[in-house]
Amino acid sequence: MLALNLLDYSPIDEGKTARQALLETTELAQLAERSGYKRFWVAEHHKVASVAGSSPEMLMMHLAASTSSIRIGSGGVMLPHYSAYKVAENFRMLEALHPNRIDLGIGRSRSYQAVNKALNSMRERAVPYEEQLDLLKQYFADEAALSAMPITDTAPELWLLGTGEGSAVLAAEKGMAYSYAHFARPSIDGMDIIRKYRSAFKASPFLEKPKVMIAVFAVVAETKEQAEEIAKAFDLWLLFVESNTPPPYYPSIETAKLRGFSANEAEKVRANRKRMIIGDPDFVKAEIERIADRYGADEVTVIPNVAGAENRMEGIRLLAEAFGLAHL
């Protein structure tokens, strides 16, 4: 059976605060657990004022304590910003308190040099990404000269996130699970990338055989018409994020209706729509299954990044019902 997960950005809705956004993420995680989702991940974003998710480890600690069974993870920690040792200790702490429930999703951010500099102000040299991955594995396997504390009987699941062949090959060589961002690069190249990951995979102490997750943007509502209305705000948010002066909030559906789009923006919207699945629960379910089948994916992570906490909650409820996920 295809496993279904969620990845939340903690969007700050128009008229709300970062605190409210984080509390809504907590409610979303609790609903995901009740609805039968396997994993609930949170993202790491910097210099994006409309989302509150800047420190996944901190938010994960809160979410893991606010739930009891769902796996809690990062989607992902941008490893080049940090020391592998500190990441290992953060996630060992999480694993010690919530054993067999923690996922470490690792990414490689290439943007915002100012952020990387601020987070690495005392580092003398940039450690190569591949070297950092090796260090992480050594820390979790207690094979490093310096032990990452606290020592735990279990380890978090290790996932490498990416959109290209380079990340897939790295995941295969390191014996890690691989999460492909279909929402960022929905092309036929993705299937070739996944095939290369599977064929090049080398078993590790953390994973015996390849495991593939794909991540998708999904807008789900009771009807297709309602989903289209909600998607208009998503269209506008993506335009804002890609602009030079994005506002510090996720625009409401009403704002999106009133504003409209220029001809140039409309073209960008059409391009971005290829990155989304929009519709009623049965349509979105069918599309998720079709895409997962094309990739041969073991799991699908849905990103319900839409305006309004009530719309996010309703969307994941409807999708859980369509997939027949177990309710607690």
C-alpha atoms as a PDB file:
ATOM      1  CA  MET A   1       0.000   0.000   0.000  1.00  0.00           C
ATOM      2  CA  LEU A   2       1.282   3.469  -0.896  1.00  0.00           C
ATOM      3  CA  ALA A   3       2.291   5.388   2.247  1.00  0.00           C
ATOM      4  CA  LEU A   4       1.096   8.985   2.440  1.00  0.00           C
ATOM      5  CA  ASN A   5       2.954  11.766   4.281  1.00  0.00           C
ATOM      6  CA  LEU A   6       2.669  15.526   4.772  1.00  0.00           C
ATOM      7  CA  LEU A   7       5.210  18.348   4.583  1.00  0.00           C
ATOM      8  CA  ASP A   8       4.180  21.666   6.099  1.00  0.00           C
ATOM      9  CA  TYR A   9       5.866  25.052   5.590  1.00  0.00           C
ATOM     10  CA  SER A  10       3.984  26.773   8.460  1.00  0.00           C
ATOM     11  CA  PRO A  11       2.551  29.480   6.162  1.00  0.00           C
ATOM     12  CA  ILE A  12       1.655  32.758   7.844  1.00  0.00           C
ATOM     13  CA  ASP A  13      -1.801  33.565   6.527  1.00  0.00           C
ATOM     14  CA  GLU A  14      -2.729  37.144   5.742  1.00  0.00           C
ATOM     15  CA  GLY A  15      -3.725  38.878   8.987  1.00  0.00           C
ATOM     16  CA  LYS A  16      -2.053  36.276  11.212  1.00  0.00           C
ATOM     17  CA  THR A  17       1.252  35.969  13.068  1.00  0.00           C
ATOM     18  CA  ALA A  18       4.164  33.530  13.039  1.00  0.00           C
ATOM     19  CA  ARG A  19       3.027  32.175  16.412  1.00  0.00           C
ATOM     20  CA  GLN A  20      -0.421  31.426  15.016  1.00  0.00           C
ATOM     21  CA  ALA A  21       1.157  29.723  12.003  1.00  0.00           C
ATOM     22  CA  LEU A  22       3.237  27.442  14.229  1.00  0.00           C
ATOM     23  CA  LEU A  23       0.237  26.565  16.388  1.00  0.00           C
ATOM     24  CA  GLU A  24      -1.704  25.736  13.216  1.00  0.00           C
ATOM     25  CA  THR A  25       1.153  23.460  12.143  1.00  0.00           C
ATOM     26  CA  THR A  26       0.769  21.685  15.483  1.00  0.00           C
ATOM     27  CA  GLU A  27      -2.963  21.185  14.876  1.00  0.00           C
ATOM     28  CA  LEU A  28      -2.220  19.944  11.377  1.00  0.00           C
ATOM     29  CA  ALA A  29       0.264  17.365  12.715  1.00  0.00           C
ATOM     30  CA  GLN A  30      -2.258  16.137  15.256  1.00  0.00           C
ATOM     31  CA  LEU A  31      -4.919  15.823  12.567  1.00  0.00           C
ATOM     32  CA  ALA A  32      -2.457  13.999  10.293  1.00  0.00           C
ATOM     33  CA  GLU A  33      -1.798  11.501  13.073  1.00  0.00           C
ATOM     34  CA  ARG A  34      -5.520  10.925  13.688  1.00  0.00           C
ATOM     35  CA  SER A  35      -6.103  10.586   9.944  1.00  0.00           C
ATOM     36  CA  GLY A  36      -3.508   7.874   9.348  1.00  0.00           C
ATOM     37  CA  TYR A  37      -0.631   9.675   7.609  1.00  0.00           C
ATOM     38  CA  LYS A  38       2.746   7.978   8.111  1.00  0.00           C
ATOM     39  CA  ARG A  39       5.029  11.003   8.427  1.00  0.00           C
ATOM     40  CA  PHE A  40       4.717  14.711   9.151  1.00  0.00           C
ATOM     41  CA  TRP A  41       7.705  16.769   8.039  1.00  0.00           C
ATOM     42  CA  VAL A  42       8.522  20.441   8.420  1.00  0.00           C
ATOM     43  CA  ALA A  43      10.705  22.591   6.199  1.00  0.00           C
ATOM     44  CA  GLU A  44      13.637  24.963   6.648  1.00  0.00           C
ATOM     45  CA  HIS A  45      13.191  28.327   4.940  1.00  0.00           C
ATOM     46  CA  HIS A  46      15.196  31.514   5.429  1.00  0.00           C
ATOM     47  CA  LYS A  47      14.438  34.991   4.084  1.00  0.00           C
ATOM     48  CA  VAL A  48      10.868  33.912   3.263  1.00  0.00           C
ATOM     49  CA  ALA A  49       8.826  36.123   5.586  1.00  0.00           C
ATOM     50  CA  SER A  50       5.522  34.438   4.702  1.00  0.00           C
ATOM     51  CA  VAL A  51       6.486  31.120   6.321  1.00  0.00           C
ATOM     52  CA  ALA A  52       7.434  30.498   9.954  1.00  0.00           C
ATOM     53  CA  GLY A  53       9.408  27.300   9.408  1.00  0.00           C
ATOM     54  CA  SER A  54      13.039  28.387   9.833  1.00  0.00           C
ATOM     55  CA  SER A  55      14.294  25.851  12.403  1.00  0.00           C
ATOM     56  CA  PRO A  56      12.938  22.343  11.751  1.00  0.00           C
ATOM     57  CA  GLU A  57      14.683  20.675  14.715  1.00  0.00           C
ATOM     58  CA  MET A  58      13.081  23.080  17.190  1.00  0.00           C
ATOM     59  CA  LEU A  59       9.642  22.683  15.663  1.00  0.00           C
ATOM     60  CA  MET A  60      10.070  18.906  15.455  1.00  0.00           C
ATOM     61  CA  MET A  61      10.709  18.702  19.186  1.00  0.00           C
ATOM     62  CA  HIS A  62       7.442  20.502  19.843  1.00  0.00           C
ATOM     63  CA  LEU A  63       5.505  18.420  17.298  1.00  0.00           C
ATOM     64  CA  ALA A  64       6.875  15.106  18.541  1.00  0.00           C
ATOM     65  CA  ALA A  65       5.822  16.050  22.079  1.00  0.00           C
ATOM     66  CA  SER A  66       2.384  17.094  20.797  1.00  0.00           C
ATOM     67  CA  THR A  67       1.746  13.758  19.043  1.00  0.00           C
ATOM     68  CA  SER A  68       2.281  10.131  20.003  1.00  0.00           C
ATOM     69  CA  SER A  69       2.773   7.843  16.998  1.00  0.00           C
ATOM     70  CA  ILE A  70       3.236   9.653  13.675  1.00  0.00           C
ATOM     71  CA  ARG A  71       6.833   9.979  12.454  1.00  0.00           C
ATOM     72  CA  ILE A  72       8.142  13.542  12.687  1.00  0.00           C
ATOM     73  CA  GLY A  73      10.842  14.743  10.324  1.00  0.00           C
ATOM     74  CA  SER A  74      12.689  17.515   8.537  1.00  0.00           C
ATOM     75  CA  GLY A  75      12.094  18.234   4.909  1.00  0.00           C
ATOM     76  CA  GLY A  76      14.830  19.152   5.203  1.00  0.00           C
ATOM     77  CA  VAL A  77      17.779  20.389   7.229  1.00  0.00           C
ATOM     78  CA  MET A  78      20.021  22.396   4.897  1.00  0.00           C
ATOM     79  CA  LEU A  79      23.244  20.673   5.894  1.00  0.00           C
ATOM     80  CA  PRO A  80      25.776  23.096   4.307  1.00  0.00           C
ATOM     81  CA  HIS A  81      24.568  25.747   6.760  1.00  0.00           C
ATOM     82  CA  TYR A  82      25.695  23.719   9.790  1.00  0.00           C
ATOM     83  CA  SER A  83      28.258  21.377  11.265  1.00  0.00           C
ATOM     84  CA  ALA A  84      27.410  17.709  10.828  1.00  0.00           C
ATOM     85  CA  TYR A  85      28.253  17.200  14.504  1.00  0.00           C
ATOM     86  CA  LYS A  86      25.629  19.679  15.700  1.00  0.00           C
ATOM     87  CA  VAL A  87      22.991  18.196  13.393  1.00  0.00           C
ATOM     88  CA  ALA A  88      23.816  14.700  14.681  1.00  0.00           C
ATOM     89  CA  GLU A  89      23.482  15.798  18.308  1.00  0.00           C
ATOM     90  CA  ASN A  90      20.214  17.616  17.638  1.00  0.00           C
ATOM     91  CA  PHE A  91      18.701  14.546  16.032  1.00  0.00           C
ATOM     92  CA  ARG A  92      20.102  12.148  18.597  1.00  0.00           C
ATOM     93  CA  MET A  93      18.389  14.252  21.238  1.00  0.00           C
ATOM     94  CA  LEU A  94      15.132  14.005  19.307  1.00  0.00           C
ATOM     95  CA  GLU A  95      15.606  10.249  18.857  1.00  0.00           C
ATOM     96  CA  ALA A  96      16.397   9.746  22.554  1.00  0.00           C
ATOM     97  CA  LEU A  97      13.143  11.411  23.576  1.00  0.00           C
ATOM     98  CA  HIS A  98      11.015   9.954  20.761  1.00  0.00           C
ATOM     99  CA  PRO A  99      12.628   6.663  19.660  1.00  0.00           C
ATOM    100  CA  ASN A 100      11.716   5.224  16.256  1.00  0.00           C
ATOM    101  CA  ARG A 101       9.704   8.323  15.348  1.00  0.00           C
ATOM    102  CA  ILE A 102      12.312  10.730  13.957  1.00  0.00           C
ATOM    103  CA  ASP A 103      13.301  11.328  10.314  1.00  0.00           C
ATOM    104  CA  LEU A 104      16.314  13.373   9.255  1.00  0.00           C
ATOM    105  CA  GLY A 105      15.700  14.709   5.775  1.00  0.00           C
ATOM    106  CA  ILE A 106      18.809  16.455   4.454  1.00  0.00           C
ATOM    107  CA  GLY A 107      18.971  19.092   1.739  1.00  0.00           C
ATOM    108  CA  ARG A 108      21.574  21.282   0.088  1.00  0.00           C
ATOM    109  CA  SER A 109      20.501  24.896  -0.275  1.00  0.00           C
ATOM    110  CA  ARG A 110      22.332  26.782  -3.024  1.00  0.00           C
ATOM    111  CA  SER A 111      20.605  30.117  -2.454  1.00  0.00           C
ATOM    112  CA  TYR A 112      20.891  33.034  -0.051  1.00  0.00           C
ATOM    113  CA  GLN A 113      24.652  33.360   0.441  1.00  0.00           C
ATOM    114  CA  ALA A 114      23.948  35.935   3.146  1.00  0.00           C
ATOM    115  CA  VAL A 115      22.074  33.287   5.165  1.00  0.00           C
ATOM    116  CA  ASN A 116      24.849  30.740   4.775  1.00  0.00           C
ATOM    117  CA  LYS A 117      27.420  33.330   5.859  1.00  0.00           C
ATOM    118  CA  ALA A 118      25.359  34.307   8.917  1.00  0.00           C
ATOM    119  CA  LEU A 119      24.964  30.671   9.967  1.00  0.00           C
ATOM    120  CA  ASN A 120      28.669  29.940   9.425  1.00  0.00           C
ATOM    121  CA  SER A 121      30.299  33.114  10.714  1.00  0.00           C
ATOM    122  CA  MET A 122      33.074  31.267  12.567  1.00  0.00           C
ATOM    123  CA  ARG A 123      33.719  28.461  10.095  1.00  0.00           C
ATOM    124  CA  GLU A 124      37.140  28.716   8.490  1.00  0.00           C
ATOM    125  CA  ARG A 125      36.294  26.640   5.424  1.00  0.00           C
ATOM    126  CA  ALA A 126      33.260  25.202   3.737  1.00  0.00           C
ATOM    127  CA  VAL A 127      33.084  21.453   4.342  1.00  0.00           C
ATOM    128  CA  PRO A 128      32.150  19.553   1.149  1.00  0.00           C
ATOM    129  CA  TYR A 129      28.594  18.242   1.206  1.00  0.00           C
ATOM    130  CA  GLU A 130      29.667  14.652   0.585  1.00  0.00           C
ATOM    131  CA  GLU A 131      32.091  14.848   3.510  1.00  0.00           C
ATOM    132  CA  GLN A 132      29.308  16.141   5.747  1.00  0.00           C
ATOM    133  CA  LEU A 133      27.082  13.195   4.787  1.00  0.00           C
ATOM    134  CA  ASP A 134      29.879  10.761   5.632  1.00  0.00           C
ATOM    135  CA  LEU A 135      30.380  12.455   8.998  1.00  0.00           C
ATOM    136  CA  LEU A 136      26.672  12.248   9.806  1.00  0.00           C
ATOM    137  CA  LYS A 137      26.615   8.529   9.084  1.00  0.00           C
ATOM    138  CA  GLN A 138      29.703   8.013  11.251  1.00  0.00           C
ATOM    139  CA  TYR A 139      28.156   9.919  14.148  1.00  0.00           C
ATOM    140  CA  PHE A 140      24.922   7.924  14.017  1.00  0.00           C
ATOM    141  CA  ALA A 141      26.830   4.643  13.739  1.00  0.00           C
ATOM    142  CA  ASP A 142      29.239   5.623  16.561  1.00  0.00           C
ATOM    143  CA  GLU A 143      32.172   5.236  14.174  1.00  0.00           C
ATOM    144  CA  ALA A 144      33.575   8.766  14.547  1.00  0.00           C
ATOM    145  CA  ALA A 145      36.486   9.676  16.798  1.00  0.00           C
ATOM    146  CA  LEU A 146      34.201  12.133  18.575  1.00  0.00           C
ATOM    147  CA  SER A 147      30.875  10.715  19.777  1.00  0.00           C
ATOM    148  CA  ALA A 148      27.641  12.583  19.141  1.00  0.00           C
ATOM    149  CA  MET A 149      25.631  12.781  22.357  1.00  0.00           C
ATOM    150  CA  PRO A 150      23.456  11.405  23.740  1.00  0.00           C
ATOM    151  CA  ILE A 151      24.205   7.790  22.814  1.00  0.00           C
ATOM    152  CA  THR A 152      20.974   6.120  21.666  1.00  0.00           C
ATOM    153  CA  ASP A 153      19.889   2.574  20.871  1.00  0.00           C
ATOM    154  CA  THR A 154      18.061   3.743  17.767  1.00  0.00           C
ATOM    155  CA  ALA A 155      18.826   6.199  14.985  1.00  0.00           C
ATOM    156  CA  PRO A 156      16.656   8.546  12.926  1.00  0.00           C
ATOM    157  CA  GLU A 157      15.803   7.502   9.395  1.00  0.00           C
ATOM    158  CA  LEU A 158      18.158   9.225   6.966  1.00  0.00           C
ATOM    159  CA  TRP A 159      16.690  10.732   3.797  1.00  0.00           C
ATOM    160  CA  LEU A 160      18.469  12.741   1.137  1.00  0.00           C
ATOM    161  CA  LEU A 161      16.320  15.332  -0.630  1.00  0.00           C
ATOM    162  CA  GLY A 162      16.941  16.477  -4.166  1.00  0.00           C
ATOM    163  CA  THR A 163      15.828  17.308  -7.691  1.00  0.00           C
ATOM    164  CA  GLY A 164      18.741  16.067  -9.763  1.00  0.00           C
ATOM    165  CA  GLU A 165      20.990  13.176 -10.637  1.00  0.00           C
ATOM    166  CA  GLY A 166      23.763  14.383  -8.329  1.00  0.00           C
ATOM    167  CA  SER A 167      21.691  14.068  -5.168  1.00  0.00           C
ATOM    168  CA  ALA A 168      20.249  10.722  -6.293  1.00  0.00           C
ATOM    169  CA  VAL A 169      23.705   9.255  -6.912  1.00  0.00           C
ATOM    170  CA  LEU A 170      24.892  10.543  -3.537  1.00  0.00           C
ATOM    171  CA  ALA A 171      21.907   8.945  -1.798  1.00  0.00           C
ATOM    172  CA  ALA A 172      22.607   5.656  -3.584  1.00  0.00           C
ATOM    173  CA  GLU A 173      26.324   5.689  -2.733  1.00  0.00           C
ATOM    174  CA  LYS A 174      25.663   6.530   0.919  1.00  0.00           C
ATOM    175  CA  GLY A 175      22.907   3.932   1.316  1.00  0.00           C
ATOM    176  CA  MET A 176      20.252   6.506   2.162  1.00  0.00           C
ATOM    177  CA  ALA A 177      16.580   6.789   1.282  1.00  0.00           C
ATOM    178  CA  TYR A 178      15.860   9.351  -1.444  1.00  0.00           C
ATOM    179  CA  SER A 179      13.111  11.958  -1.634  1.00  0.00           C
ATOM    180  CA  TYR A 180      12.575  13.500  -5.059  1.00  0.00           C
ATOM    181  CA  ALA A 181      10.963  16.958  -5.216  1.00  0.00           C
ATOM    182  CA  HIS A 182       8.508  16.356  -8.053  1.00  0.00           C
ATOM    183  CA  PHE A 183       6.810  19.652  -7.130  1.00  0.00           C
ATOM    184  CA  ALA A 184       9.987  21.521  -8.058  1.00  0.00           C
ATOM    185  CA  ARG A 185      10.898  19.544 -11.177  1.00  0.00           C
ATOM    186  CA  PRO A 186       7.930  17.630 -12.622  1.00  0.00           C
ATOM    187  CA  SER A 187       9.621  16.279 -15.744  1.00  0.00           C
ATOM    188  CA  ILE A 188      10.358  12.914 -17.316  1.00  0.00           C
ATOM    189  CA  ASP A 189      13.962  13.372 -16.167  1.00  0.00           C
ATOM    190  CA  GLY A 190      12.764  12.516 -12.682  1.00  0.00           C
ATOM    191  CA  MET A 191      12.016   8.930 -13.635  1.00  0.00           C
ATOM    192  CA  ASP A 192      15.516   8.484 -15.067  1.00  0.00           C
ATOM    193  CA  ILE A 193      16.946   9.973 -11.876  1.00  0.00           C
ATOM    194  CA  ILE A 194      15.021   7.499  -9.731  1.00  0.00           C
ATOM    195  CA  ARG A 195      16.091   4.570 -11.939  1.00  0.00           C
ATOM    196  CA  LYS A 196      19.736   5.619 -11.538  1.00  0.00           C
ATOM    197  CA  TYR A 197      19.283   5.854  -7.772  1.00  0.00           C
ATOM    198  CA  ARG A 198      17.849   2.344  -7.580  1.00  0.00           C
ATOM    199  CA  SER A 199      20.477   0.789  -9.863  1.00  0.00           C
ATOM    200  CA  ALA A 200      23.408   2.462  -8.073  1.00  0.00           C
ATOM    201  CA  PHE A 201      22.150   1.842  -4.519  1.00  0.00           C
ATOM    202  CA  LYS A 202      24.595   0.322  -2.033  1.00  0.00           C
ATOM    203  CA  ALA A 203      23.231  -1.157   1.186  1.00  0.00           C
ATOM    204  CA  SER A 204      24.291   0.532   4.424  1.00  0.00           C
ATOM    205  CA  PRO A 205      23.804  -0.105   8.148  1.00  0.00           C
ATOM    206  CA  PHE A 206      20.856   2.282   7.921  1.00  0.00           C
ATOM    207  CA  LEU A 207      19.085   0.913   4.832  1.00  0.00           C
ATOM    208  CA  GLU A 208      19.247  -2.497   3.162  1.00  0.00           C
ATOM    209  CA  LYS A 209      17.469  -1.642  -0.082  1.00  0.00           C
ATOM    210  CA  PRO A 210      16.544   1.558  -1.940  1.00  0.00           C
ATOM    211  CA  LYS A 211      13.561   3.540  -0.745  1.00  0.00           C
ATOM    212  CA  VAL A 212      11.941   6.304  -2.803  1.00  0.00           C
ATOM    213  CA  MET A 213       9.626   9.117  -1.804  1.00  0.00           C
ATOM    214  CA  ILE A 214       8.236  11.768  -4.121  1.00  0.00           C
ATOM    215  CA  ALA A 215       6.888  15.112  -2.931  1.00  0.00           C
ATOM    216  CA  VAL A 216       3.977  16.872  -4.640  1.00  0.00           C
ATOM    217  CA  PHE A 217       2.028  20.105  -4.297  1.00  0.00           C
ATOM    218  CA  ALA A 218      -1.669  19.280  -3.892  1.00  0.00           C
ATOM    219  CA  VAL A 219      -4.749  21.481  -3.579  1.00  0.00           C
ATOM    220  CA  VAL A 220      -7.706  19.386  -2.433  1.00  0.00           C
ATOM    221  CA  ALA A 221     -11.279  20.538  -1.832  1.00  0.00           C
ATOM    222  CA  GLU A 222     -14.776  19.056  -1.849  1.00  0.00           C
ATOM    223  CA  THR A 223     -15.266  20.075  -5.473  1.00  0.00           C
ATOM    224  CA  LYS A 224     -13.030  20.946  -8.417  1.00  0.00           C
ATOM    225  CA  GLU A 225     -14.444  24.486  -8.427  1.00  0.00           C
ATOM    226  CA  GLN A 226     -13.552  25.035  -4.761  1.00  0.00           C
ATOM    227  CA  ALA A 227     -10.046  23.685  -5.342  1.00  0.00           C
ATOM    228  CA  GLU A 228      -9.558  26.111  -8.242  1.00  0.00           C
ATOM    229  CA  GLU A 229     -10.575  29.035  -6.019  1.00  0.00           C
ATOM    230  CA  ILE A 230      -8.082  27.987  -3.342  1.00  0.00           C
ATOM    231  CA  ALA A 231      -5.361  27.473  -5.961  1.00  0.00           C
ATOM    232  CA  LYS A 232      -5.590  31.131  -7.051  1.00  0.00           C
ATOM    233  CA  ALA A 233      -4.052  32.192  -3.729  1.00  0.00           C
ATOM    234  CA  PHE A 234      -1.347  29.556  -4.168  1.00  0.00           C
ATOM    235  CA  ASP A 235      -0.625  31.003  -7.621  1.00  0.00           C
ATOM    236  CA  LEU A 236      -0.201  34.454  -6.119  1.00  0.00           C
ATOM    237  CA  TRP A 237       1.965  33.226  -3.232  1.00  0.00           C
ATOM    238  CA  LEU A 238       4.386  31.562  -5.665  1.00  0.00           C
ATOM    239  CA  LEU A 239       4.591  34.801  -7.641  1.00  0.00           C
ATOM    240  CA  PHE A 240       5.264  36.731  -4.444  1.00  0.00           C
ATOM    241  CA  VAL A 241       7.999  34.315  -3.314  1.00  0.00           C
ATOM    242  CA  GLU A 242       9.720  34.590  -6.696  1.00  0.00           C
ATOM    243  CA  SER A 243       9.566  38.414  -6.651  1.00  0.00           C
ATOM    244  CA  ASN A 244      12.103  40.883  -5.256  1.00  0.00           C
ATOM    245  CA  THR A 245       9.743  42.317  -2.617  1.00  0.00           C
ATOM    246  CA  PRO A 246       7.449  39.562  -1.323  1.00  0.00           C
ATOM    247  CA  PRO A 247       4.950  40.558   1.389  1.00  0.00           C
ATOM    248  CA  PRO A 248       5.340  38.972   4.853  1.00  0.00           C
ATOM    249  CA  TYR A 249       2.185  36.868   4.581  1.00  0.00           C
ATOM    250  CA  TYR A 250       0.456  34.203   2.524  1.00  0.00           C
ATOM    251  CA  PRO A 251      -2.234  36.038   0.508  1.00  0.00           C
ATOM    252  CA  SER A 252      -5.849  35.141   1.131  1.00  0.00           C
ATOM    253  CA  ILE A 253      -8.193  33.802  -1.539  1.00  0.00           C
ATOM    254  CA  GLU A 254     -10.035  37.135  -1.481  1.00  0.00           C
ATOM    255  CA  THR A 255      -6.800  39.069  -2.054  1.00  0.00           C
ATOM    256  CA  ALA A 256      -5.932  36.836  -4.992  1.00  0.00           C
ATOM    257  CA  LYS A 257      -9.369  37.368  -6.559  1.00  0.00           C
ATOM    258  CA  LEU A 258      -9.198  41.130  -6.243  1.00  0.00           C
ATOM    259  CA  ARG A 259      -5.642  41.507  -7.466  1.00  0.00           C
ATOM    260  CA  GLY A 260      -5.654  39.504 -10.687  1.00  0.00           C
ATOM    261  CA  PHE A 261      -2.556  38.855 -12.812  1.00  0.00           C
ATOM    262  CA  SER A 262      -0.656  40.727 -15.505  1.00  0.00           C
ATOM    263  CA  ALA A 263       0.022  38.975 -18.817  1.00  0.00           C
ATOM    264  CA  ASN A 264       3.564  38.141 -17.699  1.00  0.00           C
ATOM    265  CA  GLU A 265       2.342  36.858 -14.345  1.00  0.00           C
ATOM    266  CA  ALA A 266      -0.368  34.783 -16.016  1.00  0.00           C
ATOM    267  CA  GLU A 267       2.330  33.047 -18.052  1.00  0.00           C
ATOM    268  CA  LYS A 268       4.264  32.255 -14.876  1.00  0.00           C
ATOM    269  CA  VAL A 269       1.073  30.954 -13.271  1.00  0.00           C
ATOM    270  CA  ARG A 270       0.505  28.593 -16.207  1.00  0.00           C
ATOM    271  CA  ALA A 271       4.048  27.275 -15.801  1.00  0.00           C
ATOM    272  CA  ASN A 272       3.663  26.850 -12.038  1.00  0.00           C
ATOM    273  CA  ARG A 273       0.365  25.005 -12.460  1.00  0.00           C
ATOM    274  CA  LYS A 274       2.352  22.116 -13.964  1.00  0.00           C
ATOM    275  CA  ARG A 275       3.849  21.702 -10.495  1.00  0.00           C
ATOM    276  CA  MET A 276       0.475  21.205  -8.779  1.00  0.00           C
ATOM    277  CA  ILE A 277      -2.329  18.678  -8.492  1.00  0.00           C
ATOM    278  CA  ILE A 278      -5.644  20.532  -8.118  1.00  0.00           C
ATOM    279  CA  GLY A 279      -9.087  19.019  -7.755  1.00  0.00           C
ATOM    280  CA  ASP A 280     -11.569  17.021  -5.721  1.00  0.00           C
ATOM    281  CA  PRO A 281     -10.358  14.122  -3.535  1.00  0.00           C
ATOM    282  CA  ASP A 282     -10.921  11.376  -6.106  1.00  0.00           C
ATOM    283  CA  PHE A 283      -9.075  13.290  -8.835  1.00  0.00           C
ATOM    284  CA  VAL A 284      -6.126  14.163  -6.591  1.00  0.00           C
ATOM    285  CA  LYS A 285      -5.927  10.566  -5.346  1.00  0.00           C
ATOM    286  CA  ALA A 286      -5.869   9.239  -8.910  1.00  0.00           C
ATOM    287  CA  GLU A 287      -3.162  11.726  -9.932  1.00  0.00           C
ATOM    288  CA  ILE A 288      -1.013  10.909  -6.903  1.00  0.00           C
ATOM    289  CA  GLU A 289      -1.291   7.199  -7.649  1.00  0.00           C
ATOM    290  CA  ARG A 290      -0.494   7.755 -11.336  1.00  0.00           C
ATOM    291  CA  ILE A 291       2.609   9.818 -10.560  1.00  0.00           C
ATOM    292  CA  ALA A 292       3.747   7.406  -7.834  1.00  0.00           C
ATOM    293  CA  ASP A 293       3.378   4.490 -10.239  1.00  0.00           C
ATOM    294  CA  ARG A 294       5.470   6.262 -12.900  1.00  0.00           C
ATOM    295  CA  TYR A 295       8.277   6.769 -10.397  1.00  0.00           C
ATOM    296  CA  GLY A 296       7.851   3.425  -8.683  1.00  0.00           C
ATOM    297  CA  ALA A 297       7.638   5.385  -5.433  1.00  0.00           C
ATOM    298  CA  ASP A 298       7.276   3.713  -2.059  1.00  0.00           C
ATOM    299  CA  GLU A 299       5.823   6.847  -0.441  1.00  0.00           C
ATOM    300  CA  VAL A 300       4.291  10.160  -1.457  1.00  0.00           C
ATOM    301  CA  THR A 301       4.618  13.343   0.563  1.00  0.00           C
ATOM    302  CA  VAL A 302       1.866  15.885  -0.001  1.00  0.00           C
ATOM    303  CA  ILE A 303       2.588  19.586   0.526  1.00  0.00           C
ATOM    304  CA  PRO A 304      -0.793  21.203   1.352  1.00  0.00           C
ATOM    305  CA  ASN A 305       0.612  24.726   1.080  1.00  0.00           C
ATOM    306  CA  VAL A 306      -2.645  26.599   0.574  1.00  0.00           C
ATOM    307  CA  ALA A 307      -4.214  29.689   2.090  1.00  0.00           C
ATOM    308  CA  GLY A 308      -6.202  29.285   5.291  1.00  0.00           C
ATOM    309  CA  ALA A 309      -5.630  26.754   8.061  1.00  0.00           C
ATOM    310  CA  GLU A 310      -9.204  25.538   7.609  1.00  0.00           C
ATOM    311  CA  ASN A 311      -8.483  24.759   3.950  1.00  0.00           C
ATOM    312  CA  ARG A 312      -5.283  22.898   4.830  1.00  0.00           C
ATOM    313  CA  MET A 313      -7.103  20.873   7.494  1.00  0.00           C
ATOM    314  CA  GLU A 314     -10.047  20.074   5.233  1.00  0.00           C
ATOM    315  CA  GLY A 315      -7.775  19.107   2.364  1.00  0.00           C
ATOM    316  CA  ILE A 316      -5.803  16.540   4.331  1.00  0.00           C
ATOM    317  CA  ARG A 317      -9.006  15.119   5.842  1.00  0.00           C
ATOM    318  CA  LEU A 318     -10.545  14.671   2.408  1.00  0.00           C
ATOM    319  CA  LEU A 319      -7.392  13.099   1.007  1.00  0.00           C
ATOM    320  CA  ALA A 320      -7.109  10.678   3.936  1.00  0.00           C
ATOM    321  CA  GLU A 321     -10.709   9.591   3.347  1.00  0.00           C
ATOM    322  CA  ALA A 322     -10.126   9.149  -0.383  1.00  0.00           C
ATOM    323  CA  PHE A 323      -7.103   6.921   0.281  1.00  0.00           C
ATOM    324  CA  GLY A 324      -8.905   5.025   3.031  1.00  0.00           C
ATOM    325  CA  LEU A 325      -6.198   5.758   5.598  1.00  0.00           C
ATOM    326  CA  ALA A 326      -6.781   4.317   9.049  1.00  0.00           C
ATOM    327  CA  HIS A 327      -8.448   6.637  11.564  1.00  0.00           C
ATOM    328  CA  LEU A 328      -7.526   6.450  15.228  1.00  0.00           C
END
